[in-house]
Amino acid sequence: MHILYEWEPFKKFISQVTGVENIYPYIDSLSPININVNEEGQGLNWHYDNCDFSITLMLQPAKKGGTFEYVPWLRSKDNENYDELDKTLKGENKKVQVLNQSAGTLAFFRGRYSVHRVTPTIGKEPRLITVLAYSTEPNKTITKHTRNIFYGRE
């Protein structure tokens, strides 16, 4: 995954698909590439991403559950849109969309402004997905607080 993450033709492909002219790898040692493993009953609560955009590669979907749900462009730089977020958290937002992913699905996502989650998996086969995060600014890293929350260390 490190080779793919740093490979110039792949970064050019990402630029073409996203319309972002300059993309940069995170220089943080933990955040650029992650493999998320969701065992039975595990998911990921509603959240926004810290990075400008991410790319995911589904390695193994869960047999049941483990569904990626999102509300595109719920917030903007100038408007947090708390009313719509509240509806989403209460399960009342009709704008929630589902991204069905099979093994090998490569997805591009702008999670900074689109709230999203992964529903809990059902069954013994875990959901495995690689997340590649890039920035539109050079030399970007995550904060100590974020490193502590996600990785348990600074």
C-alpha atoms as a PDB file:
ATOM      1  CA  MET A   1       0.000   0.000   0.000  1.00  0.00           C
ATOM      2  CA  HIS A   2       2.927   2.347   0.643  1.00  0.00           C
ATOM      3  CA  ILE A   3       4.159   1.866  -2.910  1.00  0.00           C
ATOM      4  CA  LEU A   4       0.708   2.628  -4.339  1.00  0.00           C
ATOM      5  CA  TYR A   5       0.254   5.609  -1.986  1.00  0.00           C
ATOM      6  CA  GLU A   6       3.492   7.265  -3.129  1.00  0.00           C
ATOM      7  CA  TRP A   7       3.355   6.194  -6.803  1.00  0.00           C
ATOM      8  CA  GLU A   8       3.254   9.293  -9.035  1.00  0.00           C
ATOM      9  CA  PRO A   9       0.938   7.798 -11.710  1.00  0.00           C
ATOM     10  CA  PHE A  10      -1.574   6.901  -8.962  1.00  0.00           C
ATOM     11  CA  LYS A  11      -1.409  10.424  -7.522  1.00  0.00           C
ATOM     12  CA  LYS A  12      -1.941  11.860 -11.011  1.00  0.00           C
ATOM     13  CA  PHE A  13      -4.936   9.561 -11.445  1.00  0.00           C
ATOM     14  CA  ILE A  14      -6.351  10.811  -8.126  1.00  0.00           C
ATOM     15  CA  SER A  15      -5.825  14.418  -9.253  1.00  0.00           C
ATOM     16  CA  GLN A  16      -7.691  13.759 -12.493  1.00  0.00           C
ATOM     17  CA  VAL A  17     -10.596  12.005 -10.779  1.00  0.00           C
ATOM     18  CA  THR A  18     -10.972  14.562  -7.968  1.00  0.00           C
ATOM     19  CA  GLY A  19     -10.173  17.671  -9.988  1.00  0.00           C
ATOM     20  CA  VAL A  20      -7.607  18.624  -7.343  1.00  0.00           C
ATOM     21  CA  GLU A  21      -4.467  19.766  -9.137  1.00  0.00           C
ATOM     22  CA  ASN A  22      -1.970  19.300  -6.329  1.00  0.00           C
ATOM     23  CA  ILE A  23      -2.243  16.479  -3.840  1.00  0.00           C
ATOM     24  CA  TYR A  24       0.300  15.641  -1.186  1.00  0.00           C
ATOM     25  CA  PRO A  25       0.847  12.641   1.027  1.00  0.00           C
ATOM     26  CA  TYR A  26       0.527  13.184   4.764  1.00  0.00           C
ATOM     27  CA  ILE A  27       3.947  13.265   6.434  1.00  0.00           C
ATOM     28  CA  ASP A  28       2.497  11.877   9.652  1.00  0.00           C
ATOM     29  CA  SER A  29       3.755   8.344  10.266  1.00  0.00           C
ATOM     30  CA  LEU A  30       0.336   6.957  11.237  1.00  0.00           C
ATOM     31  CA  SER A  31      -2.443   8.700   9.317  1.00  0.00           C
ATOM     32  CA  PRO A  32      -1.672   8.366   5.578  1.00  0.00           C
ATOM     33  CA  ILE A  33      -2.482   4.658   5.226  1.00  0.00           C
ATOM     34  CA  ASN A  34      -4.760   2.640   7.462  1.00  0.00           C
ATOM     35  CA  ILE A  35      -6.417  -0.725   7.273  1.00  0.00           C
ATOM     36  CA  ASN A  36      -9.664  -0.660   9.201  1.00  0.00           C
ATOM     37  CA  VAL A  37     -10.795  -3.987  10.604  1.00  0.00           C
ATOM     38  CA  ASN A  38     -14.386  -4.173  11.796  1.00  0.00           C
ATOM     39  CA  GLU A  39     -15.036  -7.389  13.709  1.00  0.00           C
ATOM     40  CA  GLU A  40     -18.563  -8.545  14.554  1.00  0.00           C
ATOM     41  CA  GLY A  41     -20.577  -5.721  16.121  1.00  0.00           C
ATOM     42  CA  GLN A  42     -17.978  -3.080  15.277  1.00  0.00           C
ATOM     43  CA  GLY A  43     -18.564  -0.068  13.051  1.00  0.00           C
ATOM     44  CA  LEU A  44     -17.705   3.599  13.062  1.00  0.00           C
ATOM     45  CA  ASN A  45     -20.025   6.308  14.380  1.00  0.00           C
ATOM     46  CA  TRP A  46     -21.089   9.372  12.402  1.00  0.00           C
ATOM     47  CA  HIS A  47     -18.132  11.685  11.872  1.00  0.00           C
ATOM     48  CA  TYR A  48     -16.355  14.066   9.523  1.00  0.00           C
ATOM     49  CA  ASP A  49     -12.806  13.481   8.303  1.00  0.00           C
ATOM     50  CA  ASN A  50      -9.890  15.738   9.084  1.00  0.00           C
ATOM     51  CA  CYS A  51      -8.276  15.232   5.667  1.00  0.00           C
ATOM     52  CA  ASP A  52      -9.304  16.967   2.441  1.00  0.00           C
ATOM     53  CA  PHE A  53     -10.258  13.671   0.843  1.00  0.00           C
ATOM     54  CA  SER A  54      -9.553   9.991   1.161  1.00  0.00           C
ATOM     55  CA  ILE A  55      -9.479   6.988  -1.078  1.00  0.00           C
ATOM     56  CA  THR A  56     -10.664   3.612   0.131  1.00  0.00           C
ATOM     57  CA  LEU A  57      -9.994   0.183  -1.265  1.00  0.00           C
ATOM     58  CA  MET A  58     -12.382  -2.502  -0.014  1.00  0.00           C
ATOM     59  CA  LEU A  59     -10.400  -5.629   0.731  1.00  0.00           C
ATOM     60  CA  GLN A  60     -13.200  -7.706   2.246  1.00  0.00           C
ATOM     61  CA  PRO A  61     -16.753  -6.558   2.907  1.00  0.00           C
ATOM     62  CA  ALA A  62     -18.694  -7.948   5.847  1.00  0.00           C
ATOM     63  CA  LYS A  63     -21.214 -10.670   5.004  1.00  0.00           C
ATOM     64  CA  LYS A  64     -23.885  -8.449   6.597  1.00  0.00           C
ATOM     65  CA  GLY A  65     -23.751  -4.948   8.022  1.00  0.00           C
ATOM     66  CA  GLY A  66     -20.607  -2.861   7.735  1.00  0.00           C
ATOM     67  CA  THR A  67     -22.481  -0.529   5.410  1.00  0.00           C
ATOM     68  CA  PHE A  68     -20.959   2.819   4.476  1.00  0.00           C
ATOM     69  CA  GLU A  69     -23.602   5.542   4.909  1.00  0.00           C
ATOM     70  CA  TYR A  70     -23.121   9.238   4.237  1.00  0.00           C
ATOM     71  CA  VAL A  71     -24.849  12.565   3.712  1.00  0.00           C
ATOM     72  CA  PRO A  72     -23.037  14.406   0.912  1.00  0.00           C
ATOM     73  CA  TRP A  73     -21.998  17.990   1.555  1.00  0.00           C
ATOM     74  CA  LEU A  74     -23.946  18.273   4.812  1.00  0.00           C
ATOM     75  CA  ARG A  75     -21.735  21.099   6.015  1.00  0.00           C
ATOM     76  CA  SER A  76     -19.571  23.709   4.345  1.00  0.00           C
ATOM     77  CA  LYS A  77     -16.656  25.877   5.322  1.00  0.00           C
ATOM     78  CA  ASP A  78     -19.130  28.604   6.349  1.00  0.00           C
ATOM     79  CA  ASN A  79     -22.053  26.557   7.719  1.00  0.00           C
ATOM     80  CA  GLU A  80     -21.908  23.594  10.112  1.00  0.00           C
ATOM     81  CA  ASN A  81     -25.620  22.875   9.401  1.00  0.00           C
ATOM     82  CA  TYR A  82     -26.343  21.567  12.904  1.00  0.00           C
ATOM     83  CA  ASP A  83     -30.073  21.061  12.204  1.00  0.00           C
ATOM     84  CA  GLU A  84     -29.395  18.549   9.415  1.00  0.00           C
ATOM     85  CA  LEU A  85     -26.629  16.922  11.465  1.00  0.00           C
ATOM     86  CA  ASP A  86     -29.063  16.517  14.367  1.00  0.00           C
ATOM     87  CA  LYS A  87     -31.578  14.834  12.029  1.00  0.00           C
ATOM     88  CA  THR A  88     -28.837  12.499  10.812  1.00  0.00           C
ATOM     89  CA  LEU A  89     -27.793  11.509  14.323  1.00  0.00           C
ATOM     90  CA  LYS A  90     -31.433  10.821  15.225  1.00  0.00           C
ATOM     91  CA  GLY A  91     -31.942   8.665  12.114  1.00  0.00           C
ATOM     92  CA  GLU A  92     -34.402  11.163  10.608  1.00  0.00           C
ATOM     93  CA  ASN A  93     -32.399  12.490   7.652  1.00  0.00           C
ATOM     94  CA  LYS A  94     -33.876  11.363   4.323  1.00  0.00           C
ATOM     95  CA  LYS A  95     -30.683  12.432   2.520  1.00  0.00           C
ATOM     96  CA  VAL A  96     -28.582   9.535   3.894  1.00  0.00           C
ATOM     97  CA  GLN A  97     -27.049   7.577   1.039  1.00  0.00           C
ATOM     98  CA  VAL A  98     -25.449   4.123   0.967  1.00  0.00           C
ATOM     99  CA  LEU A  99     -22.285   3.165  -0.891  1.00  0.00           C
ATOM    100  CA  ASN A 100     -22.359  -0.555  -1.670  1.00  0.00           C
ATOM    101  CA  GLN A 101     -18.814  -1.870  -1.855  1.00  0.00           C
ATOM    102  CA  SER A 102     -17.618  -5.270  -2.973  1.00  0.00           C
ATOM    103  CA  ALA A 103     -14.029  -6.509  -2.714  1.00  0.00           C
ATOM    104  CA  GLY A 104     -11.817  -4.367  -4.954  1.00  0.00           C
ATOM    105  CA  THR A 105     -14.038  -1.269  -4.900  1.00  0.00           C
ATOM    106  CA  LEU A 106     -11.909   1.871  -5.101  1.00  0.00           C
ATOM    107  CA  ALA A 107     -13.862   4.849  -3.745  1.00  0.00           C
ATOM    108  CA  PHE A 108     -12.997   8.546  -3.591  1.00  0.00           C
ATOM    109  CA  PHE A 109     -14.582  10.498  -0.772  1.00  0.00           C
ATOM    110  CA  ARG A 110     -14.555  14.052   0.594  1.00  0.00           C
ATOM    111  CA  GLY A 111     -15.381  13.357   4.213  1.00  0.00           C
ATOM    112  CA  ARG A 112     -14.471  16.790   5.568  1.00  0.00           C
ATOM    113  CA  TYR A 113     -17.887  18.127   4.557  1.00  0.00           C
ATOM    114  CA  SER A 114     -19.906  14.907   4.205  1.00  0.00           C
ATOM    115  CA  VAL A 115     -20.821  13.232   7.488  1.00  0.00           C
ATOM    116  CA  HIS A 116     -20.479   9.457   7.285  1.00  0.00           C
ATOM    117  CA  ARG A 117     -20.392   6.225   9.242  1.00  0.00           C
ATOM    118  CA  VAL A 118     -19.983   2.458   8.956  1.00  0.00           C
ATOM    119  CA  THR A 119     -22.815   0.411  10.473  1.00  0.00           C
ATOM    120  CA  PRO A 120     -21.871  -2.467  12.803  1.00  0.00           C
ATOM    121  CA  THR A 121     -20.856  -5.691  11.081  1.00  0.00           C
ATOM    122  CA  ILE A 122     -22.896  -8.843  11.541  1.00  0.00           C
ATOM    123  CA  GLY A 123     -21.225 -12.244  11.456  1.00  0.00           C
ATOM    124  CA  LYS A 124     -17.761 -13.628  12.039  1.00  0.00           C
ATOM    125  CA  GLU A 125     -16.145 -12.433   8.810  1.00  0.00           C
ATOM    126  CA  PRO A 126     -14.630  -8.975   9.448  1.00  0.00           C
ATOM    127  CA  ARG A 127     -14.901  -5.973   7.158  1.00  0.00           C
ATOM    128  CA  LEU A 128     -11.413  -4.992   5.917  1.00  0.00           C
ATOM    129  CA  ILE A 129     -10.816  -1.714   4.117  1.00  0.00           C
ATOM    130  CA  THR A 130      -7.714   0.317   3.344  1.00  0.00           C
ATOM    131  CA  VAL A 131      -7.971   4.097   3.742  1.00  0.00           C
ATOM    132  CA  LEU A 132      -5.484   6.368   1.950  1.00  0.00           C
ATOM    133  CA  ALA A 133      -5.551  10.017   3.051  1.00  0.00           C
ATOM    134  CA  TYR A 134      -4.081  12.910   1.095  1.00  0.00           C
ATOM    135  CA  SER A 135      -3.902  16.674   1.571  1.00  0.00           C
ATOM    136  CA  THR A 136      -4.102  19.684  -0.707  1.00  0.00           C
ATOM    137  CA  GLU A 137      -1.269  21.238   1.328  1.00  0.00           C
ATOM    138  CA  PRO A 138       2.325  20.008   1.543  1.00  0.00           C
ATOM    139  CA  ASN A 139       3.836  18.747   4.821  1.00  0.00           C
ATOM    140  CA  LYS A 140       0.466  18.122   6.466  1.00  0.00           C
ATOM    141  CA  THR A 141       0.162  16.061   9.636  1.00  0.00           C
ATOM    142  CA  ILE A 142      -2.640  15.302  12.068  1.00  0.00           C
ATOM    143  CA  THR A 143      -2.807  16.947  15.488  1.00  0.00           C
ATOM    144  CA  LYS A 144      -1.517  15.308  18.659  1.00  0.00           C
ATOM    145  CA  HIS A 145      -5.102  15.172  19.912  1.00  0.00           C
ATOM    146  CA  THR A 146      -6.261  13.287  16.814  1.00  0.00           C
ATOM    147  CA  ARG A 147      -3.289  10.916  16.985  1.00  0.00           C
ATOM    148  CA  ASN A 148      -4.169  10.174  20.589  1.00  0.00           C
ATOM    149  CA  ILE A 149      -7.851   9.538  19.839  1.00  0.00           C
ATOM    150  CA  PHE A 150      -7.309   7.295  16.810  1.00  0.00           C
ATOM    151  CA  TYR A 151      -4.017   5.606  17.604  1.00  0.00           C
ATOM    152  CA  GLY A 152      -3.683   5.892  21.375  1.00  0.00           C
ATOM    153  CA  ARG A 153      -0.359   7.689  21.203  1.00  0.00           C
ATOM    154  CA  GLU A 154       1.147  11.031  20.302  1.00  0.00           C
END
